[in-house]
Amino acid sequence: MTANVVKLRKDPSLATYQDRTSQQVNSNYQDLNPKQILDINRYIEQANTCFAQGDIEGATVNFQNAISLYPDCVKLYTERAKFRRHKLGDLGGALEDYTQAIRIHPQNAFFYFCRSQTYQELGNQQKANEDYNTAMNLAPDGTMHHFS
C-alpha cells in the first residue's frame, strides 16, 4: 500500500496553527502553579536523561510518576508517546498515549496525525487513514497537504 505523505508548508497560517497547537498542549498548565509546571518539565527532562544514560526503566518510571501526579497533562502523554514510539519502538504504548492526548484535546489535528503515523507503522492502514482524514479536517486550510 502507498503511504500517505503529509507536507507542512511554511506559511503564516501554519505558524498560527503551530502556535494554537502549542497553546492547546500547554492549556492545561493554566490550572497548575509554577512549581507544578516545573515538576512536569523536570520529569520529562529526567526521563530523557535516564534514557540517554541507558536507564530505560528509570525513564519509564519518571514518565509514569509524572502522569500519576498530573493525569490530565497532555504534554506528558505526547512526550511519552514520542519516547515510546521513537526510542523504545513501543508502538502500542505510543497509541495509548496519543489516544489519551486526543481524549484531553480532541480538536488537536497534530495528535491525530501522530496517531495516524503510528497506526501506519503497525500496518493498520484503515485506522491510519481515518486519523489522517480527521487531522486534515481539523487542521486550518493550507497547513497540511496530501501528496500521493
Protein backbone atom coordinates (compact mmCIF):
# COMPACT_ATOMS: atom_id res chain seq x y z
CA MET A 1 0.00 0.00 0.00
CA THR A 2 1.12 3.50 -0.70
CA ALA A 3 1.83 5.55 2.39
CA ASN A 4 0.21 8.90 2.88
CA VAL A 5 2.73 11.69 2.95
CA VAL A 6 1.94 14.99 4.53
CA LYS A 7 3.95 18.10 3.96
CA LEU A 8 3.55 21.03 6.30
CA ARG A 9 4.03 24.18 4.31
CA LYS A 10 5.84 27.14 5.86
CA ASP A 11 3.32 29.93 5.66
CA PRO A 12 1.67 32.35 8.10
CA SER A 13 -1.36 30.11 8.65
CA LEU A 14 0.97 27.25 9.63
CA ALA A 15 2.75 29.43 12.16
CA THR A 16 -0.62 30.43 13.58
CA TYR A 17 -1.69 26.77 13.69
CA GLN A 18 1.54 25.71 15.38
CA ASP A 19 1.09 28.49 17.94
CA ARG A 20 -2.50 27.38 18.56
CA THR A 21 -1.42 23.75 18.88
CA SER A 22 1.27 24.72 21.36
CA GLN A 23 -1.31 26.70 23.32
CA GLN A 24 -3.63 23.68 23.36
CA VAL A 25 -0.86 21.39 24.56
CA ASN A 26 0.00 23.81 27.32
CA SER A 27 -3.56 24.98 28.06
CA ASN A 28 -3.93 22.61 30.97
CA TYR A 29 -0.99 24.43 32.55
CA GLN A 30 -3.48 27.21 33.36
CA ASP A 31 -4.73 25.17 36.29
CA LEU A 32 -1.22 24.46 37.54
CA ASN A 33 1.04 26.61 39.64
CA PRO A 34 4.62 27.38 38.56
CA LYS A 35 6.05 24.65 40.81
CA GLN A 36 3.81 22.03 39.19
CA ILE A 37 4.82 23.18 35.70
CA LEU A 38 8.46 22.98 36.72
CA ASP A 39 7.88 19.49 38.15
CA ILE A 40 6.32 18.29 34.88
CA ASN A 41 9.20 19.63 32.83
CA ARG A 42 11.71 18.16 35.29
CA TYR A 43 10.14 14.70 35.00
CA ILE A 44 10.35 14.89 31.19
CA GLU A 45 13.96 16.04 31.35
CA GLN A 46 14.86 13.31 33.86
CA ALA A 47 13.20 10.66 31.69
CA ASN A 48 15.25 11.75 28.69
CA THR A 49 18.44 11.89 30.76
CA CYS A 50 17.83 8.38 32.09
CA PHE A 51 17.34 7.08 28.58
CA ALA A 52 20.49 8.82 27.34
CA GLN A 53 22.39 7.04 30.14
CA GLY A 54 20.91 3.67 29.16
CA ASP A 55 18.44 3.54 32.04
CA ILE A 56 15.22 2.66 30.21
CA GLU A 57 13.46 1.62 33.41
CA GLY A 58 14.33 4.95 35.04
CA ALA A 59 12.99 6.84 32.03
CA THR A 60 9.77 4.85 32.09
CA VAL A 61 9.35 5.36 35.84
CA ASN A 62 9.83 9.12 35.50
CA PHE A 63 7.07 9.36 32.89
CA GLN A 64 4.76 7.14 34.94
CA ASN A 65 5.36 9.10 38.14
CA ALA A 66 4.64 12.37 36.36
CA ILE A 67 1.44 11.03 34.81
CA SER A 68 0.34 9.69 38.19
CA LEU A 69 0.71 13.17 39.65
CA TYR A 70 -0.69 15.05 36.63
CA PRO A 71 -3.09 12.68 34.82
CA ASP A 72 -4.68 15.44 32.72
CA CYS A 73 -1.43 16.94 31.43
CA VAL A 74 -1.49 16.31 27.68
CA LYS A 75 2.16 17.27 27.34
CA LEU A 76 3.16 14.26 29.41
CA TYR A 77 1.19 11.91 27.19
CA THR A 78 2.59 13.33 23.96
CA GLU A 79 6.15 13.31 25.29
CA ARG A 80 5.80 9.73 26.49
CA ALA A 81 4.20 8.72 23.18
CA LYS A 82 7.18 10.13 21.27
CA PHE A 83 9.54 8.39 23.69
CA ARG A 84 7.76 5.06 23.35
CA ARG A 85 7.46 5.28 19.57
CA HIS A 86 10.85 6.63 18.59
CA LYS A 87 13.15 5.46 21.36
CA LEU A 88 11.60 2.19 22.53
CA GLY A 89 9.75 1.09 19.40
CA ASP A 90 6.69 0.53 21.59
CA LEU A 91 4.03 1.41 19.04
CA GLY A 92 1.17 0.02 21.15
CA GLY A 93 2.19 2.19 24.08
CA ALA A 94 2.52 5.20 21.81
CA LEU A 95 -1.02 4.60 20.51
CA GLU A 96 -2.33 4.54 24.07
CA ASP A 97 -0.67 7.85 24.85
CA TYR A 98 -1.75 9.57 21.63
CA THR A 99 -5.29 8.33 22.29
CA GLN A 100 -5.20 9.81 25.79
CA ALA A 101 -3.90 13.11 24.38
CA ILE A 102 -6.82 13.11 21.92
CA ARG A 103 -9.28 12.46 24.78
CA ILE A 104 -7.92 15.54 26.54
CA HIS A 105 -7.73 17.72 23.39
CA PRO A 106 -9.98 16.17 20.71
CA GLN A 107 -9.65 19.13 18.35
CA ASN A 108 -5.87 18.89 18.00
CA ALA A 109 -5.07 17.79 14.44
CA PHE A 110 -1.45 17.08 15.22
CA PHE A 111 -2.33 14.37 17.74
CA TYR A 112 -4.47 12.60 15.14
CA PHE A 113 -1.66 12.92 12.62
CA CYS A 114 0.87 11.37 15.01
CA ARG A 115 -1.50 8.56 15.86
CA SER A 116 -2.13 8.03 12.14
CA GLN A 117 1.58 7.59 11.52
CA THR A 118 1.77 5.11 14.38
CA TYR A 119 -1.16 3.09 13.04
CA GLN A 120 0.55 3.06 9.66
CA GLU A 121 3.76 1.75 11.21
CA LEU A 122 1.69 -1.05 12.75
CA GLY A 123 0.21 -1.87 9.34
CA ASN A 124 -3.32 -0.76 10.20
CA GLN A 125 -3.97 1.32 7.08
CA GLN A 126 -7.70 1.73 7.75
CA LYS A 127 -7.22 3.35 11.15
CA ALA A 128 -4.25 5.32 9.80
CA ASN A 129 -6.46 6.74 7.06
CA GLU A 130 -9.27 7.54 9.49
CA ASP A 131 -6.96 9.52 11.78
CA TYR A 132 -5.21 11.13 8.83
CA ASN A 133 -8.55 12.31 7.43
CA THR A 134 -9.57 13.63 10.85
CA ALA A 135 -6.28 15.53 11.08
CA MET A 136 -6.85 17.01 7.61
CA ASN A 137 -10.38 18.09 8.58
CA LEU A 138 -9.28 19.67 11.86
CA ALA A 139 -6.20 21.46 10.54
CA PRO A 140 -6.65 25.00 9.25
CA ASP A 141 -6.69 25.36 5.49
CA GLY A 142 -3.27 25.49 3.91
CA THR A 143 -1.36 23.87 6.77
CA MET A 144 -1.45 20.19 5.80
CA HIS A 145 -1.20 18.82 2.29
CA HIS A 146 -1.62 15.34 0.86
CA PHE A 147 0.72 14.02 -1.80
CA SER A 148 0.24 10.62 -3.43
